[in-house]
C-alpha atoms as a PDB file:
ATOM      1  CA  UNK A   1     106.986 146.610  94.313  1.00  0.00           C
ATOM      2  CA  UNK A   2     110.640 146.958  94.892  1.00  0.00           C
ATOM      3  CA  UNK A   3     113.122 144.763  93.103  1.00  0.00           C
ATOM      4  CA  UNK A   4     114.270 143.180  96.393  1.00  0.00           C
ATOM      5  CA  UNK A   5     110.686 142.315  97.291  1.00  0.00           C
ATOM      6  CA  UNK A   6     110.095 140.718  93.882  1.00  0.00           C
ATOM      7  CA  UNK A   7     113.359 138.765  94.122  1.00  0.00           C
ATOM      8  CA  UNK A   8     112.362 137.531  97.570  1.00  0.00           C
ATOM      9  CA  UNK A   9     108.931 136.400  96.352  1.00  0.00           C
ATOM     10  CA  UNK A  10     110.501 134.716  93.332  1.00  0.00           C
ATOM     11  CA  UNK A  11     112.956 132.864  95.563  1.00  0.00           C
ATOM     12  CA  UNK A  12     110.083 131.735  97.813  1.00  0.00           C
ATOM     13  CA  UNK A  13     108.104 130.480  94.791  1.00  0.00           C
ATOM     14  CA  UNK A  14     111.147 128.605  93.481  1.00  0.00           C
ATOM     15  CA  UNK A  15     111.515 126.864  96.840  1.00  0.00           C
ATOM     16  CA  UNK A  16     107.813 125.924  96.822  1.00  0.00           C
ATOM     17  CA  UNK A  17     108.070 124.506  93.290  1.00  0.00           C
ATOM     18  CA  UNK A  18     111.144 122.508  94.287  1.00  0.00           C
ATOM     19  CA  UNK A  19     109.347 121.092  97.329  1.00  0.00           C
ATOM     20  CA  UNK A  20     106.354 120.146  95.169  1.00  0.00           C
ATOM     21  CA  UNK A  21     108.625 118.427  92.650  1.00  0.00           C
ATOM     22  CA  UNK A  22     110.195 116.399  95.457  1.00  0.00           C
ATOM     23  CA  UNK A  23     106.748 115.408  96.695  1.00  0.00           C
ATOM     24  CA  UNK A  24     105.654 114.310  93.237  1.00  0.00           C
ATOM     25  CA  UNK A  25     108.847 112.292  92.754  1.00  0.00           C
ATOM     26  CA  UNK A  26     108.403 110.578  96.132  1.00  0.00           C
ATOM     27  CA  UNK A  27     104.785 109.820  95.264  1.00  0.00           C
ATOM     28  CA  UNK A  28     105.832 108.288  91.945  1.00  0.00           C
ATOM     29  CA  UNK A  29     108.373 106.060  93.666  1.00  0.00           C
ATOM     30  CA  UNK A  30     105.796 104.917  96.215  1.00  0.00           C
ATOM     31  CA  UNK A  31     103.274 104.296  93.443  1.00  0.00           C
ATOM     32  CA  UNK A  32     105.785 102.258  91.412  1.00  0.00           C
ATOM     33  CA  UNK A  33     106.677 100.218  94.498  1.00  0.00           C
ATOM     34  CA  UNK A  34     103.007  99.500  95.160  1.00  0.00           C
ATOM     35  CA  UNK A  35     102.478  98.424  91.555  1.00  0.00           C
ATOM     36  CA  UNK A  36     105.502  96.109  91.739  1.00  0.00           C
ATOM     37  CA  UNK A  37     104.094  94.538  94.912  1.00  0.00           C
ATOM     38  CA  UNK A  38     100.724  93.955  93.234  1.00  0.00           C
ATOM     39  CA  UNK A  39     102.436  92.394  90.195  1.00  0.00           C
ATOM     40  CA  UNK A  40     104.314  89.974  92.455  1.00  0.00           C
ATOM     41  CA  UNK A  41     101.115  89.057  94.305  1.00  0.00           C
ATOM     42  CA  UNK A  42      99.247  88.465  91.030  1.00  0.00           C
ATOM     43  CA  UNK A  43     102.046  86.231  89.745  1.00  0.00           C
ATOM     44  CA  UNK A  44     102.027  84.285  93.021  1.00  0.00           C
ATOM     45  CA  UNK A  45      98.259  83.781  92.778  1.00  0.00           C
ATOM     46  CA  UNK A  46      98.519  82.702  89.129  1.00  0.00           C
ATOM     47  CA  UNK A  47     101.295  80.266  90.003  1.00  0.00           C
ATOM     48  CA  UNK A  48      99.208  78.762  92.798  1.00  0.00           C
ATOM     49  CA  UNK A  49      96.153  78.458  90.569  1.00  0.00           C
ATOM     50  CA  UNK A  50      98.202  76.717  87.861  1.00  0.00           C
ATOM     51  CA  UNK A  51      99.279  74.129  90.440  1.00  0.00           C
ATOM     52  CA  UNK A  52      95.794  73.593  91.853  1.00  0.00           C
ATOM     53  CA  UNK A  53      93.914  73.784  88.529  1.00  0.00           C
ATOM     54  CA  UNK A  54      96.013  72.423  85.642  1.00  0.00           C
ATOM     55  CA  UNK A  55      93.618  73.922  83.065  1.00  0.00           C
ATOM     56  CA  UNK A  56      93.931  77.418  84.563  1.00  0.00           C
ATOM     57  CA  UNK A  57      96.547  78.546  82.026  1.00  0.00           C
ATOM     58  CA  UNK A  58      94.217  77.593  79.182  1.00  0.00           C
ATOM     59  CA  UNK A  59      91.137  79.210  80.746  1.00  0.00           C
ATOM     60  CA  UNK A  60      92.803  82.370  82.072  1.00  0.00           C
ATOM     61  CA  UNK A  61      92.567  84.469  78.865  1.00  0.00           C
ATOM     62  CA  UNK A  62      88.821  83.805  78.662  1.00  0.00           C
ATOM     63  CA  UNK A  63      88.329  84.616  82.359  1.00  0.00           C
ATOM     64  CA  UNK A  64      90.392  87.803  82.009  1.00  0.00           C
ATOM     65  CA  UNK A  65      88.398  88.965  78.991  1.00  0.00           C
ATOM     66  CA  UNK A  66      85.093  88.292  80.767  1.00  0.00           C
ATOM     67  CA  UNK A  67      86.142  90.241  83.871  1.00  0.00           C
ATOM     68  CA  UNK A  68      87.501  93.098  81.780  1.00  0.00           C
ATOM     69  CA  UNK A  69      84.206  93.383  79.933  1.00  0.00           C
ATOM     70  CA  UNK A  70      82.256  93.346  83.190  1.00  0.00           C
ATOM     71  CA  UNK A  71      84.443  95.738  85.169  1.00  0.00           C
ATOM     72  CA  UNK A  72      86.339  97.930  82.674  1.00  0.00           C
ATOM     73  CA  UNK A  73      84.591  98.149  79.304  1.00  0.00           C
ATOM     74  CA  UNK A  74      86.659 101.183  78.272  1.00  0.00           C
ATOM     75  CA  UNK A  75      89.782  98.975  78.243  1.00  0.00           C
ATOM     76  CA  UNK A  76      88.428  96.818  75.416  1.00  0.00           C
ATOM     77  CA  UNK A  77      89.137  98.100  71.922  1.00  0.00           C
ATOM     78  CA  UNK A  78      86.600  97.818  69.127  1.00  0.00           C
ATOM     79  CA  UNK A  79      88.687  95.267  67.230  1.00  0.00           C
ATOM     80  CA  UNK A  80      88.481  92.606  69.963  1.00  0.00           C
END
């Protein structure tokens, strides 16, 4: 291959990598925004439950642990 051809292909690959980096960065920002929205919704639900059920704050850790064991056992460490 000629040097010009190789330089052209290299330039094309650099542009592709740059476009992929931009896509990944945009995806990360969208993902972070979605997580923030979920956190706000969870806090709103917890706040509502504390108002409706005064003992919710006391019972929540037990409920959370039970659900975690049922749905995501890999999240529980051996020392719990």
